[in-house]
Amino acid sequence: MTATVRYEVQDRIATLTIDRPEVRNALGPEEWRALRTLAQRAGDDPEVRVLVVTGAGGVFSAGGDLKTMPERLALPHHVRRAGLLSDAQVVTTLRGLPKPVIAIIEGVAVGAGLSLALACDVRIAAANAKLGAVFHKIGLTGDFGLLWLLPRVVGPTRAMDLLMSAELIDGTRAEAIGLVSRVLPPDQVRAEGLAYARRLADGPPLAMAFTKAGLHQSLERELAELLAFEAEAQATCSKSEDVREGLAAFFAKRAPLYQGR
């Protein structure tokens, strides 16, 4: 797709690596298009169970590419708006995948880089990572879903604080406020993040797809609707080969081998 976003599959885990270390993995239109296309590729691949999003060179992403920002800011209003809306579809793609998406965060995850991390289902960060909704530092507001995602992750008050102050916080503080799921020493975060991905890859794909969909819908739907969703999902899982395998493995005291059927 592009030399600036690498796609690799190993052990049922697809990894998307933003590979522009010379600009701290900044994201331009080319990278957003590649991320969306390759994420969908992972979603469509029956051999892929988990998608990992990360950055090369010990950095997740510094957000929008400021070196090329002036030319994008100079675009006519309707062109700029359409481009942003098109590029931002990567957010709905990641959230809509029927597979877990894990962000492994080293270095900085700021601006639209933070938006990308928030579009993932689980965020694992180094203790010394720096995260921030820093748009106000250059006179812009949040984009790529940040204004929707951030308050749902940390709550509206903390989201307002992070956006209005444009302050950076480290991985330890990010975990304390729920911005990231897990925090690890810098020299362990990549290995432990991939080990976590492998554990999820061994899980029941059908059940995990329902769980992800249900949790995303839970913030927008009434309890009665979620009860109906759960009943339908559970009834479907109950007829699957995976649930029979899970029970058989439980009683045999062995690890289950789920096939996603």
C-alpha atoms as a PDB file:
ATOM      1  CA  MET A   1       0.000   0.000   0.000  1.00  0.00           C
ATOM      2  CA  THR A   2       2.647   2.517   1.081  1.00  0.00           C
ATOM      3  CA  ALA A   3       6.156   2.434   2.473  1.00  0.00           C
ATOM      4  CA  THR A   4       5.008   4.628   5.371  1.00  0.00           C
ATOM      5  CA  VAL A   5       2.597   2.048   6.822  1.00  0.00           C
ATOM      6  CA  ARG A   6       3.794  -1.543   7.109  1.00  0.00           C
ATOM      7  CA  TYR A   7       1.445  -4.526   7.260  1.00  0.00           C
ATOM      8  CA  GLU A   8       2.569  -7.864   8.657  1.00  0.00           C
ATOM      9  CA  VAL A   9       0.755 -11.007   9.767  1.00  0.00           C
ATOM     10  CA  GLN A  10       2.230 -13.538  12.174  1.00  0.00           C
ATOM     11  CA  ASP A  11       0.603 -16.020  14.546  1.00  0.00           C
ATOM     12  CA  ARG A  12      -2.904 -14.807  13.574  1.00  0.00           C
ATOM     13  CA  ILE A  13      -1.973 -11.234  14.529  1.00  0.00           C
ATOM     14  CA  ALA A  14      -1.911  -8.466  11.917  1.00  0.00           C
ATOM     15  CA  THR A  15       0.305  -5.516  12.794  1.00  0.00           C
ATOM     16  CA  LEU A  16      -0.013  -2.051  11.285  1.00  0.00           C
ATOM     17  CA  THR A  17       3.175  -0.062  11.872  1.00  0.00           C
ATOM     18  CA  ILE A  18       3.340   3.624  11.030  1.00  0.00           C
ATOM     19  CA  ASP A  19       6.871   3.922   9.689  1.00  0.00           C
ATOM     20  CA  ARG A  20       7.885   7.571   9.397  1.00  0.00           C
ATOM     21  CA  PRO A  21      10.332   7.886  12.291  1.00  0.00           C
ATOM     22  CA  GLU A  22      11.986  10.943  10.767  1.00  0.00           C
ATOM     23  CA  VAL A  23       8.768  12.915  11.481  1.00  0.00           C
ATOM     24  CA  ARG A  24       7.788  10.939  14.591  1.00  0.00           C
ATOM     25  CA  ASN A  25       5.273   8.935  12.555  1.00  0.00           C
ATOM     26  CA  ALA A  26       3.194  11.960  11.636  1.00  0.00           C
ATOM     27  CA  LEU A  27       0.022  11.222   9.693  1.00  0.00           C
ATOM     28  CA  GLY A  28      -0.978  12.723   6.365  1.00  0.00           C
ATOM     29  CA  PRO A  29      -3.728  11.775   3.895  1.00  0.00           C
ATOM     30  CA  GLU A  30      -1.614   8.967   2.438  1.00  0.00           C
ATOM     31  CA  GLU A  31      -1.113   7.356   5.853  1.00  0.00           C
ATOM     32  CA  TRP A  32      -4.784   7.667   6.809  1.00  0.00           C
ATOM     33  CA  ARG A  33      -5.844   5.991   3.559  1.00  0.00           C
ATOM     34  CA  ALA A  34      -3.309   3.222   4.061  1.00  0.00           C
ATOM     35  CA  LEU A  35      -4.389   2.633   7.651  1.00  0.00           C
ATOM     36  CA  ARG A  36      -8.016   2.324   6.625  1.00  0.00           C
ATOM     37  CA  THR A  37      -7.333   0.006   3.678  1.00  0.00           C
ATOM     38  CA  LEU A  38      -4.981  -2.239   5.622  1.00  0.00           C
ATOM     39  CA  ALA A  39      -7.237  -2.361   8.676  1.00  0.00           C
ATOM     40  CA  GLN A  40     -10.061  -3.548   6.434  1.00  0.00           C
ATOM     41  CA  ARG A  41      -7.703  -6.098   4.916  1.00  0.00           C
ATOM     42  CA  ALA A  42      -7.065  -7.488   8.396  1.00  0.00           C
ATOM     43  CA  GLY A  43     -10.784  -7.504   9.107  1.00  0.00           C
ATOM     44  CA  ASP A  44     -11.519  -9.473   5.946  1.00  0.00           C
ATOM     45  CA  ASP A  45      -8.740 -12.019   6.485  1.00  0.00           C
ATOM     46  CA  PRO A  46     -10.152 -15.140   8.207  1.00  0.00           C
ATOM     47  CA  GLU A  47      -6.654 -16.052   9.372  1.00  0.00           C
ATOM     48  CA  VAL A  48      -6.328 -12.817  11.372  1.00  0.00           C
ATOM     49  CA  ARG A  49      -7.753 -12.838  14.885  1.00  0.00           C
ATOM     50  CA  VAL A  50      -6.297  -9.595  16.305  1.00  0.00           C
ATOM     51  CA  LEU A  51      -5.064  -6.288  14.851  1.00  0.00           C
ATOM     52  CA  VAL A  52      -2.221  -4.354  16.490  1.00  0.00           C
ATOM     53  CA  VAL A  53      -1.582  -0.685  15.650  1.00  0.00           C
ATOM     54  CA  THR A  54       1.784   0.773  16.575  1.00  0.00           C
ATOM     55  CA  GLY A  55       4.604   2.998  15.383  1.00  0.00           C
ATOM     56  CA  ALA A  56       8.212   2.470  14.366  1.00  0.00           C
ATOM     57  CA  GLY A  57      11.240   3.882  16.147  1.00  0.00           C
ATOM     58  CA  GLY A  58       9.764   3.899  19.632  1.00  0.00           C
ATOM     59  CA  VAL A  59       7.046   6.428  18.761  1.00  0.00           C
ATOM     60  CA  PHE A  60       3.318   5.877  18.227  1.00  0.00           C
ATOM     61  CA  SER A  61       2.392   9.060  16.331  1.00  0.00           C
ATOM     62  CA  ALA A  62       2.885  12.807  16.644  1.00  0.00           C
ATOM     63  CA  GLY A  63      -0.468  13.350  14.920  1.00  0.00           C
ATOM     64  CA  GLY A  64      -1.000  15.472  11.835  1.00  0.00           C
ATOM     65  CA  ASP A  65       2.023  16.177   9.635  1.00  0.00           C
ATOM     66  CA  LEU A  66       2.788  19.817  10.454  1.00  0.00           C
ATOM     67  CA  LYS A  67       5.306  20.159   7.632  1.00  0.00           C
ATOM     68  CA  THR A  68       2.577  19.699   5.051  1.00  0.00           C
ATOM     69  CA  MET A  69      -0.145  21.349   7.156  1.00  0.00           C
ATOM     70  CA  PRO A  70       0.130  24.828   5.516  1.00  0.00           C
ATOM     71  CA  GLU A  71      -0.824  23.478   2.096  1.00  0.00           C
ATOM     72  CA  ARG A  72      -3.791  21.605   3.556  1.00  0.00           C
ATOM     73  CA  LEU A  73      -4.927  24.664   5.512  1.00  0.00           C
ATOM     74  CA  ALA A  74      -4.835  26.642   2.266  1.00  0.00           C
ATOM     75  CA  LEU A  75      -7.385  24.372   0.599  1.00  0.00           C
ATOM     76  CA  PRO A  76     -10.901  25.750   0.016  1.00  0.00           C
ATOM     77  CA  HIS A  77     -13.224  25.122   2.932  1.00  0.00           C
ATOM     78  CA  HIS A  78     -15.309  22.473   1.171  1.00  0.00           C
ATOM     79  CA  VAL A  79     -12.222  20.623  -0.061  1.00  0.00           C
ATOM     80  CA  ARG A  80     -10.604  20.665   3.385  1.00  0.00           C
ATOM     81  CA  ARG A  81     -13.819  19.454   5.013  1.00  0.00           C
ATOM     82  CA  ALA A  82     -14.312  16.619   2.525  1.00  0.00           C
ATOM     83  CA  GLY A  83     -10.711  15.483   2.893  1.00  0.00           C
ATOM     84  CA  LEU A  84     -10.911  15.383   6.674  1.00  0.00           C
ATOM     85  CA  LEU A  85     -14.173  13.473   6.602  1.00  0.00           C
ATOM     86  CA  SER A  86     -12.813  10.946   4.130  1.00  0.00           C
ATOM     87  CA  ASP A  87      -9.563  10.398   6.046  1.00  0.00           C
ATOM     88  CA  ALA A  88     -11.421  10.036   9.349  1.00  0.00           C
ATOM     89  CA  GLN A  89     -13.300   6.968   8.121  1.00  0.00           C
ATOM     90  CA  VAL A  90     -10.407   4.921   9.474  1.00  0.00           C
ATOM     91  CA  VAL A  91     -11.973   5.476  12.908  1.00  0.00           C
ATOM     92  CA  THR A  92     -15.254   3.810  11.966  1.00  0.00           C
ATOM     93  CA  THR A  93     -13.330   1.067  10.171  1.00  0.00           C
ATOM     94  CA  LEU A  94     -11.296   0.191  13.270  1.00  0.00           C
ATOM     95  CA  ARG A  95     -14.296   0.300  15.576  1.00  0.00           C
ATOM     96  CA  GLY A  96     -16.378  -1.752  13.160  1.00  0.00           C
ATOM     97  CA  LEU A  97     -13.898  -4.620  12.766  1.00  0.00           C
ATOM     98  CA  PRO A  98     -15.267  -7.818  14.342  1.00  0.00           C
ATOM     99  CA  LYS A  99     -11.837  -8.369  15.922  1.00  0.00           C
ATOM    100  CA  PRO A 100      -9.966  -6.789  18.830  1.00  0.00           C
ATOM    101  CA  VAL A 101      -7.742  -3.848  17.896  1.00  0.00           C
ATOM    102  CA  ILE A 102      -4.826  -3.090  20.232  1.00  0.00           C
ATOM    103  CA  ALA A 103      -2.740   0.085  20.240  1.00  0.00           C
ATOM    104  CA  ILE A 104       0.808  -0.346  21.569  1.00  0.00           C
ATOM    105  CA  ILE A 105       1.955   3.147  22.509  1.00  0.00           C
ATOM    106  CA  GLU A 106       5.571   4.196  22.882  1.00  0.00           C
ATOM    107  CA  GLY A 107       6.896   7.728  22.770  1.00  0.00           C
ATOM    108  CA  VAL A 108       4.203  10.238  21.839  1.00  0.00           C
ATOM    109  CA  ALA A 109       0.558   9.750  20.934  1.00  0.00           C
ATOM    110  CA  VAL A 110      -0.711  13.274  20.466  1.00  0.00           C
ATOM    111  CA  GLY A 111      -3.277  15.122  18.401  1.00  0.00           C
ATOM    112  CA  ALA A 112      -4.702  12.885  15.706  1.00  0.00           C
ATOM    113  CA  GLY A 113      -2.253  10.220  16.895  1.00  0.00           C
ATOM    114  CA  LEU A 114      -4.235  10.116  20.124  1.00  0.00           C
ATOM    115  CA  SER A 115      -7.445   9.935  18.071  1.00  0.00           C
ATOM    116  CA  LEU A 116      -6.050   6.879  16.293  1.00  0.00           C
ATOM    117  CA  ALA A 117      -5.176   5.231  19.606  1.00  0.00           C
ATOM    118  CA  LEU A 118      -8.656   5.947  20.956  1.00  0.00           C
ATOM    119  CA  ALA A 119     -10.218   4.275  17.915  1.00  0.00           C
ATOM    120  CA  CYS A 120      -8.543   1.042  19.052  1.00  0.00           C
ATOM    121  CA  ASP A 121     -10.281  -1.204  21.572  1.00  0.00           C
ATOM    122  CA  VAL A 122      -7.385  -1.582  24.010  1.00  0.00           C
ATOM    123  CA  ARG A 123      -4.471   0.787  24.589  1.00  0.00           C
ATOM    124  CA  ILE A 124      -1.223  -0.470  26.135  1.00  0.00           C
ATOM    125  CA  ALA A 125       1.300   2.275  26.876  1.00  0.00           C
ATOM    126  CA  ALA A 126       4.839   2.652  28.127  1.00  0.00           C
ATOM    127  CA  ALA A 127       5.028   4.384  31.495  1.00  0.00           C
ATOM    128  CA  ASN A 128       7.053   7.221  29.947  1.00  0.00           C
ATOM    129  CA  ALA A 129       4.819   7.635  26.861  1.00  0.00           C
ATOM    130  CA  LYS A 130       3.408  11.108  26.327  1.00  0.00           C
ATOM    131  CA  LEU A 131      -0.245  11.455  25.382  1.00  0.00           C
ATOM    132  CA  GLY A 132      -2.184  14.620  24.723  1.00  0.00           C
ATOM    133  CA  ALA A 133      -5.036  16.307  22.890  1.00  0.00           C
ATOM    134  CA  VAL A 134      -2.751  19.144  21.852  1.00  0.00           C
ATOM    135  CA  PHE A 135      -4.814  20.707  19.053  1.00  0.00           C
ATOM    136  CA  HIS A 136      -5.230  24.060  20.816  1.00  0.00           C
ATOM    137  CA  LYS A 137      -1.462  24.584  20.717  1.00  0.00           C
ATOM    138  CA  ILE A 138      -1.788  25.395  17.014  1.00  0.00           C
ATOM    139  CA  GLY A 139      -5.305  26.861  17.075  1.00  0.00           C
ATOM    140  CA  LEU A 140      -7.201  23.765  15.939  1.00  0.00           C
ATOM    141  CA  THR A 141      -9.947  21.720  17.552  1.00  0.00           C
ATOM    142  CA  GLY A 142     -10.043  17.942  17.934  1.00  0.00           C
ATOM    143  CA  ASP A 143     -10.654  15.767  14.900  1.00  0.00           C
ATOM    144  CA  PHE A 144     -10.599  12.156  13.729  1.00  0.00           C
ATOM    145  CA  GLY A 145     -13.301  11.323  16.235  1.00  0.00           C
ATOM    146  CA  LEU A 146     -11.516  12.735  19.275  1.00  0.00           C
ATOM    147  CA  LEU A 147     -14.453  14.883  20.418  1.00  0.00           C
ATOM    148  CA  TRP A 148     -16.658  11.754  20.416  1.00  0.00           C
ATOM    149  CA  LEU A 149     -14.154   9.163  21.620  1.00  0.00           C
ATOM    150  CA  LEU A 150     -12.343  10.987  24.419  1.00  0.00           C
ATOM    151  CA  PRO A 151     -15.343  11.743  26.691  1.00  0.00           C
ATOM    152  CA  ARG A 152     -16.540   8.164  26.328  1.00  0.00           C
ATOM    153  CA  VAL A 153     -13.162   6.895  27.503  1.00  0.00           C
ATOM    154  CA  VAL A 154     -12.267   9.303  30.336  1.00  0.00           C
ATOM    155  CA  GLY A 155     -15.577  11.085  30.966  1.00  0.00           C
ATOM    156  CA  PRO A 156     -16.676  14.557  29.839  1.00  0.00           C
ATOM    157  CA  THR A 157     -14.933  16.532  32.592  1.00  0.00           C
ATOM    158  CA  ARG A 158     -11.505  15.030  32.043  1.00  0.00           C
ATOM    159  CA  ALA A 159     -11.990  15.195  28.283  1.00  0.00           C
ATOM    160  CA  MET A 160     -12.719  18.916  28.568  1.00  0.00           C
ATOM    161  CA  ASP A 161      -9.630  19.403  30.709  1.00  0.00           C
ATOM    162  CA  LEU A 162      -7.337  17.494  28.341  1.00  0.00           C
ATOM    163  CA  LEU A 163      -8.634  19.338  25.292  1.00  0.00           C
ATOM    164  CA  MET A 164      -8.775  22.823  26.788  1.00  0.00           C
ATOM    165  CA  SER A 165      -5.384  22.645  28.501  1.00  0.00           C
ATOM    166  CA  ALA A 166      -3.639  20.775  25.639  1.00  0.00           C
ATOM    167  CA  GLU A 167      -1.355  19.314  28.300  1.00  0.00           C
ATOM    168  CA  LEU A 168       0.734  16.177  27.880  1.00  0.00           C
ATOM    169  CA  ILE A 169       0.372  13.368  30.396  1.00  0.00           C
ATOM    170  CA  ASP A 170       2.574  10.307  30.815  1.00  0.00           C
ATOM    171  CA  GLY A 171       1.481   6.693  30.535  1.00  0.00           C
ATOM    172  CA  THR A 172       1.124   6.268  34.297  1.00  0.00           C
ATOM    173  CA  ARG A 173      -1.260   9.216  34.568  1.00  0.00           C
ATOM    174  CA  ALA A 174      -3.083   8.045  31.428  1.00  0.00           C
ATOM    175  CA  GLU A 175      -3.763   4.684  33.070  1.00  0.00           C
ATOM    176  CA  ALA A 176      -4.980   6.367  36.256  1.00  0.00           C
ATOM    177  CA  ILE A 177      -7.689   8.272  34.359  1.00  0.00           C
ATOM    178  CA  GLY A 178      -8.606   5.354  32.096  1.00  0.00           C
ATOM    179  CA  LEU A 179      -7.118   6.786  28.930  1.00  0.00           C
ATOM    180  CA  VAL A 180      -5.033   3.639  28.461  1.00  0.00           C
ATOM    181  CA  SER A 181      -5.862   0.098  29.520  1.00  0.00           C
ATOM    182  CA  ARG A 182      -2.449  -0.999  30.764  1.00  0.00           C
ATOM    183  CA  VAL A 183       0.897   0.657  31.427  1.00  0.00           C
ATOM    184  CA  LEU A 184       4.255  -1.124  31.356  1.00  0.00           C
ATOM    185  CA  PRO A 185       7.956  -0.294  31.679  1.00  0.00           C
ATOM    186  CA  PRO A 186       9.305   1.089  28.394  1.00  0.00           C
ATOM    187  CA  ASP A 187      11.557  -1.905  27.770  1.00  0.00           C
ATOM    188  CA  GLN A 188       8.635  -4.324  28.185  1.00  0.00           C
ATOM    189  CA  VAL A 189       5.696  -2.619  26.515  1.00  0.00           C
ATOM    190  CA  ARG A 190       6.168  -3.986  23.003  1.00  0.00           C
ATOM    191  CA  ALA A 191       6.871  -7.574  24.035  1.00  0.00           C
ATOM    192  CA  GLU A 192       4.095  -7.612  26.629  1.00  0.00           C
ATOM    193  CA  GLY A 193       1.683  -5.906  24.247  1.00  0.00           C
ATOM    194  CA  LEU A 194       2.275  -8.593  21.634  1.00  0.00           C
ATOM    195  CA  ALA A 195       1.963 -11.305  24.286  1.00  0.00           C
ATOM    196  CA  TYR A 196      -1.421  -9.830  25.206  1.00  0.00           C
ATOM    197  CA  ALA A 197      -2.415  -9.861  21.530  1.00  0.00           C
ATOM    198  CA  ARG A 198      -1.466 -13.541  21.320  1.00  0.00           C
ATOM    199  CA  ARG A 199      -3.695 -14.325  24.296  1.00  0.00           C
ATOM    200  CA  LEU A 200      -6.609 -12.630  22.571  1.00  0.00           C
ATOM    201  CA  ALA A 201      -5.799 -14.463  19.337  1.00  0.00           C
ATOM    202  CA  ASP A 202      -6.354 -17.719  21.244  1.00  0.00           C
ATOM    203  CA  GLY A 203      -9.797 -16.560  22.375  1.00  0.00           C
ATOM    204  CA  PRO A 204     -13.212 -17.364  20.855  1.00  0.00           C
ATOM    205  CA  PRO A 205     -13.551 -15.146  17.741  1.00  0.00           C
ATOM    206  CA  LEU A 206     -17.356 -15.252  17.526  1.00  0.00           C
ATOM    207  CA  ALA A 207     -17.865 -14.357  21.186  1.00  0.00           C
ATOM    208  CA  MET A 208     -15.248 -11.585  21.010  1.00  0.00           C
ATOM    209  CA  ALA A 209     -16.930 -10.080  17.956  1.00  0.00           C
ATOM    210  CA  PHE A 210     -20.260  -9.952  19.798  1.00  0.00           C
ATOM    211  CA  THR A 211     -18.595  -8.541  22.907  1.00  0.00           C
ATOM    212  CA  LYS A 212     -16.913  -5.739  20.960  1.00  0.00           C
ATOM    213  CA  ALA A 213     -20.102  -4.849  19.095  1.00  0.00           C
ATOM    214  CA  GLY A 214     -22.183  -4.941  22.248  1.00  0.00           C
ATOM    215  CA  LEU A 215     -19.830  -2.771  24.266  1.00  0.00           C
ATOM    216  CA  HIS A 216     -19.674  -0.153  21.515  1.00  0.00           C
ATOM    217  CA  GLN A 217     -23.463  -0.138  21.201  1.00  0.00           C
ATOM    218  CA  SER A 218     -23.989   0.017  24.965  1.00  0.00           C
ATOM    219  CA  LEU A 219     -23.093   3.705  25.105  1.00  0.00           C
ATOM    220  CA  GLU A 220     -25.763   4.620  22.569  1.00  0.00           C
ATOM    221  CA  ARG A 221     -28.642   2.209  23.199  1.00  0.00           C
ATOM    222  CA  GLU A 222     -31.172   1.653  25.959  1.00  0.00           C
ATOM    223  CA  LEU A 223     -30.881  -1.241  28.403  1.00  0.00           C
ATOM    224  CA  ALA A 224     -33.818  -3.081  26.820  1.00  0.00           C
ATOM    225  CA  GLU A 225     -32.098  -2.939  23.433  1.00  0.00           C
ATOM    226  CA  LEU A 226     -28.861  -4.288  24.883  1.00  0.00           C
ATOM    227  CA  LEU A 227     -30.720  -7.090  26.646  1.00  0.00           C
ATOM    228  CA  ALA A 228     -32.166  -8.105  23.283  1.00  0.00           C
ATOM    229  CA  PHE A 229     -28.712  -7.865  21.663  1.00  0.00           C
ATOM    230  CA  GLU A 230     -27.171 -10.004  24.410  1.00  0.00           C
ATOM    231  CA  ALA A 231     -29.891 -12.636  24.147  1.00  0.00           C
ATOM    232  CA  GLU A 232     -29.451 -12.908  20.373  1.00  0.00           C
ATOM    233  CA  ALA A 233     -25.660 -12.982  20.642  1.00  0.00           C
ATOM    234  CA  GLN A 234     -25.667 -15.567  23.403  1.00  0.00           C
ATOM    235  CA  ALA A 235     -28.147 -17.770  21.575  1.00  0.00           C
ATOM    236  CA  THR A 236     -25.920 -17.636  18.486  1.00  0.00           C
ATOM    237  CA  CYS A 237     -22.794 -18.452  20.488  1.00  0.00           C
ATOM    238  CA  SER A 238     -24.660 -21.294  22.196  1.00  0.00           C
ATOM    239  CA  LYS A 239     -25.039 -23.073  18.849  1.00  0.00           C
ATOM    240  CA  SER A 240     -21.420 -22.605  17.825  1.00  0.00           C
ATOM    241  CA  GLU A 241     -18.665 -25.178  17.629  1.00  0.00           C
ATOM    242  CA  ASP A 242     -16.569 -22.862  19.776  1.00  0.00           C
ATOM    243  CA  VAL A 243     -18.827 -23.159  22.806  1.00  0.00           C
ATOM    244  CA  ARG A 244     -18.748 -26.939  22.539  1.00  0.00           C
ATOM    245  CA  GLU A 245     -14.966 -26.795  22.294  1.00  0.00           C
ATOM    246  CA  GLY A 246     -14.786 -24.411  25.256  1.00  0.00           C
ATOM    247  CA  LEU A 247     -16.849 -26.729  27.457  1.00  0.00           C
ATOM    248  CA  ALA A 248     -14.954 -29.818  26.340  1.00  0.00           C
ATOM    249  CA  ALA A 249     -11.623 -28.099  27.092  1.00  0.00           C
ATOM    250  CA  PHE A 250     -12.878 -26.956  30.485  1.00  0.00           C
ATOM    251  CA  PHE A 251     -13.869 -30.454  31.561  1.00  0.00           C
ATOM    252  CA  ALA A 252     -10.696 -31.973  30.084  1.00  0.00           C
ATOM    253  CA  LYS A 253      -8.593 -29.325  31.850  1.00  0.00           C
ATOM    254  CA  ARG A 254      -6.822 -28.291  28.633  1.00  0.00           C
ATOM    255  CA  ALA A 255      -6.528 -25.114  26.587  1.00  0.00           C
ATOM    256  CA  PRO A 256      -9.374 -24.683  24.070  1.00  0.00           C
ATOM    257  CA  LEU A 257      -8.677 -24.528  20.340  1.00  0.00           C
ATOM    258  CA  TYR A 258     -11.253 -22.098  18.977  1.00  0.00           C
ATOM    259  CA  GLN A 259     -11.989 -22.042  15.251  1.00  0.00           C
ATOM    260  CA  GLY A 260     -14.454 -19.152  15.073  1.00  0.00           C
ATOM    261  CA  ARG A 261     -17.353 -21.374  14.047  1.00  0.00           C
END
